Amino acid sequence: MLVLTEAAAEAVKSVTSAPEAGDGAGVRITSAPEPENPGALRLAAAASPGADDQVIEAAGARVFVEAEAAPYLEDKVLDAQLDDQGTAHFLLGVQASDQA
């Protein structure tokens, strides 16, 4: 299952903190295949999860993962970095293996 870093959780909460977002808001990750990039994903603020979405909650942040995107994200970590203007940029990494 997708794991959120502390930085990603803070960025998600920042994105969804507007009063009009509502209490159940989060960010939704969907598959967005393009001819030149068939594994593309899209991340956007969402008021609520889709009917078949996985809901991941971490440190008060909510991420909704579309069913089609879930298999790809199964072993991933969502991280975030802020640029000089304070805009969050989300990054995906692979979860560390526990095997030595």
C-alpha atoms as a PDB file:
ATOM      1  CA  MET A   1       0.000   0.000   0.000  1.00  0.00           C
ATOM      2  CA  LEU A   2       1.184   3.540  -0.719  1.00  0.00           C
ATOM      3  CA  VAL A   3       3.018   5.138   2.218  1.00  0.00           C
ATOM      4  CA  LEU A   4       3.176   8.891   2.889  1.00  0.00           C
ATOM      5  CA  THR A   5       6.216  10.621   4.310  1.00  0.00           C
ATOM      6  CA  GLU A   6       5.711  13.285   6.954  1.00  0.00           C
ATOM      7  CA  ALA A   7       6.485  15.948   4.331  1.00  0.00           C
ATOM      8  CA  ALA A   8       3.877  14.498   1.962  1.00  0.00           C
ATOM      9  CA  ALA A   9       1.246  14.412   4.716  1.00  0.00           C
ATOM     10  CA  GLU A  10       1.929  18.070   5.529  1.00  0.00           C
ATOM     11  CA  ALA A  11       1.736  19.025   1.839  1.00  0.00           C
ATOM     12  CA  VAL A  12      -1.562  17.156   1.401  1.00  0.00           C
ATOM     13  CA  LYS A  13      -3.019  18.913   4.451  1.00  0.00           C
ATOM     14  CA  SER A  14      -1.855  22.236   3.051  1.00  0.00           C
ATOM     15  CA  VAL A  15      -3.514  21.549  -0.309  1.00  0.00           C
ATOM     16  CA  THR A  16      -6.786  20.528   1.342  1.00  0.00           C
ATOM     17  CA  SER A  17      -6.917  23.097   4.163  1.00  0.00           C
ATOM     18  CA  ALA A  18      -9.120  25.643   2.363  1.00  0.00           C
ATOM     19  CA  PRO A  19     -12.520  26.009   4.062  1.00  0.00           C
ATOM     20  CA  GLU A  20     -14.347  25.177   0.829  1.00  0.00           C
ATOM     21  CA  ALA A  21     -12.491  21.850   0.601  1.00  0.00           C
ATOM     22  CA  GLY A  22     -14.648  20.281   3.319  1.00  0.00           C
ATOM     23  CA  ASP A  23     -13.790  17.959   6.181  1.00  0.00           C
ATOM     24  CA  GLY A  24     -13.330  14.814   4.084  1.00  0.00           C
ATOM     25  CA  ALA A  25     -11.112  16.371   1.433  1.00  0.00           C
ATOM     26  CA  GLY A  26      -7.853  14.878   0.264  1.00  0.00           C
ATOM     27  CA  VAL A  27      -5.787  14.453  -2.833  1.00  0.00           C
ATOM     28  CA  ARG A  28      -6.714  11.847  -5.425  1.00  0.00           C
ATOM     29  CA  ILE A  29      -4.203   9.935  -7.510  1.00  0.00           C
ATOM     30  CA  THR A  30      -5.518   8.647 -10.819  1.00  0.00           C
ATOM     31  CA  SER A  31      -3.990   6.934 -13.806  1.00  0.00           C
ATOM     32  CA  ALA A  32      -3.556   9.303 -16.730  1.00  0.00           C
ATOM     33  CA  PRO A  33      -2.099   7.212 -19.542  1.00  0.00           C
ATOM     34  CA  GLU A  34      -0.738   9.148 -22.458  1.00  0.00           C
ATOM     35  CA  PRO A  35       0.563   7.676 -25.727  1.00  0.00           C
ATOM     36  CA  GLU A  36       4.128   8.733 -24.929  1.00  0.00           C
ATOM     37  CA  ASN A  37       3.857   7.888 -21.202  1.00  0.00           C
ATOM     38  CA  PRO A  38       1.499   4.947 -20.527  1.00  0.00           C
ATOM     39  CA  GLY A  39       2.273   4.847 -16.784  1.00  0.00           C
ATOM     40  CA  ALA A  40       1.481   8.506 -16.103  1.00  0.00           C
ATOM     41  CA  LEU A  41      -0.355   9.469 -12.937  1.00  0.00           C
ATOM     42  CA  ARG A  42      -2.280  12.602 -12.006  1.00  0.00           C
ATOM     43  CA  LEU A  43      -2.637  14.072  -8.509  1.00  0.00           C
ATOM     44  CA  ALA A  44      -5.344  16.625  -7.738  1.00  0.00           C
ATOM     45  CA  ALA A  45      -7.314  17.916  -4.773  1.00  0.00           C
ATOM     46  CA  ALA A  46     -10.622  16.104  -4.275  1.00  0.00           C
ATOM     47  CA  ALA A  47     -13.601  16.716  -2.002  1.00  0.00           C
ATOM     48  CA  SER A  48     -14.098  12.980  -1.449  1.00  0.00           C
ATOM     49  CA  PRO A  49     -12.876   9.601  -2.691  1.00  0.00           C
ATOM     50  CA  GLY A  50     -14.290   7.839  -5.740  1.00  0.00           C
ATOM     51  CA  ALA A  51     -16.493   4.791  -5.212  1.00  0.00           C
ATOM     52  CA  ASP A  52     -13.659   2.254  -5.705  1.00  0.00           C
ATOM     53  CA  ASP A  53     -10.772   4.334  -4.329  1.00  0.00           C
ATOM     54  CA  GLN A  54      -8.398   3.148  -1.638  1.00  0.00           C
ATOM     55  CA  VAL A  55      -8.330   5.715   1.169  1.00  0.00           C
ATOM     56  CA  ILE A  56      -4.993   6.221   2.857  1.00  0.00           C
ATOM     57  CA  GLU A  57      -4.842   8.339   6.005  1.00  0.00           C
ATOM     58  CA  ALA A  58      -1.594   9.458   7.586  1.00  0.00           C
ATOM     59  CA  ALA A  59      -0.970  12.206  10.138  1.00  0.00           C
ATOM     60  CA  GLY A  60      -4.339  13.813   9.394  1.00  0.00           C
ATOM     61  CA  ALA A  61      -3.869  13.748   5.609  1.00  0.00           C
ATOM     62  CA  ARG A  62      -6.107  11.793   3.226  1.00  0.00           C
ATOM     63  CA  VAL A  63      -5.040  10.359  -0.125  1.00  0.00           C
ATOM     64  CA  PHE A  64      -7.523   8.669  -2.439  1.00  0.00           C
ATOM     65  CA  VAL A  65      -6.028   6.143  -4.861  1.00  0.00           C
ATOM     66  CA  GLU A  66      -8.034   5.223  -7.943  1.00  0.00           C
ATOM     67  CA  ALA A  67      -8.445   1.450  -8.399  1.00  0.00           C
ATOM     68  CA  GLU A  68      -6.559   1.506 -11.720  1.00  0.00           C
ATOM     69  CA  ALA A  69      -3.583   3.324 -10.139  1.00  0.00           C
ATOM     70  CA  ALA A  70      -3.471   1.220  -6.942  1.00  0.00           C
ATOM     71  CA  PRO A  71      -1.432  -1.733  -8.305  1.00  0.00           C
ATOM     72  CA  TYR A  72       1.331   0.585  -9.511  1.00  0.00           C
ATOM     73  CA  LEU A  73       1.446   2.428  -6.166  1.00  0.00           C
ATOM     74  CA  GLU A  74       1.445  -0.725  -4.023  1.00  0.00           C
ATOM     75  CA  ASP A  75       5.182  -0.523  -3.208  1.00  0.00           C
ATOM     76  CA  LYS A  76       5.635   3.257  -3.470  1.00  0.00           C
ATOM     77  CA  VAL A  77       6.295   6.120  -1.052  1.00  0.00           C
ATOM     78  CA  LEU A  78       4.750   9.548  -1.668  1.00  0.00           C
ATOM     79  CA  ASP A  79       7.059  12.385  -0.667  1.00  0.00           C
ATOM     80  CA  ALA A  80       6.873  16.151  -1.163  1.00  0.00           C
ATOM     81  CA  GLN A  81       9.274  19.054  -1.397  1.00  0.00           C
ATOM     82  CA  LEU A  82       8.506  22.760  -1.278  1.00  0.00           C
ATOM     83  CA  ASP A  83      10.061  25.105  -3.818  1.00  0.00           C
ATOM     84  CA  ASP A  84      11.193  28.680  -3.108  1.00  0.00           C
ATOM     85  CA  GLN A  85       7.628  29.965  -3.587  1.00  0.00           C
ATOM     86  CA  GLY A  86       6.178  27.422  -1.126  1.00  0.00           C
ATOM     87  CA  THR A  87       4.570  25.265  -3.823  1.00  0.00           C
ATOM     88  CA  ALA A  88       4.515  21.543  -3.051  1.00  0.00           C
ATOM     89  CA  HIS A  89       5.992  19.138  -5.580  1.00  0.00           C
ATOM     90  CA  PHE A  90       5.075  15.501  -5.033  1.00  0.00           C
ATOM     91  CA  LEU A  91       7.528  12.693  -5.745  1.00  0.00           C
ATOM     92  CA  LEU A  92       7.183   8.911  -5.835  1.00  0.00           C
ATOM     93  CA  GLY A  93       9.858   6.548  -4.592  1.00  0.00           C
ATOM     94  CA  VAL A  94      10.068   2.825  -3.961  1.00  0.00           C
ATOM     95  CA  GLN A  95       9.568   1.580  -0.412  1.00  0.00           C
ATOM     96  CA  ALA A  96      12.716   0.220   1.235  1.00  0.00           C
ATOM     97  CA  SER A  97      12.864  -3.532   1.468  1.00  0.00           C
ATOM     98  CA  ASP A  98      12.984  -5.018   4.965  1.00  0.00           C
ATOM     99  CA  GLN A  99      15.069  -7.938   3.729  1.00  0.00           C
ATOM    100  CA  ALA A 100      18.821  -7.823   4.212  1.00  0.00           C
END
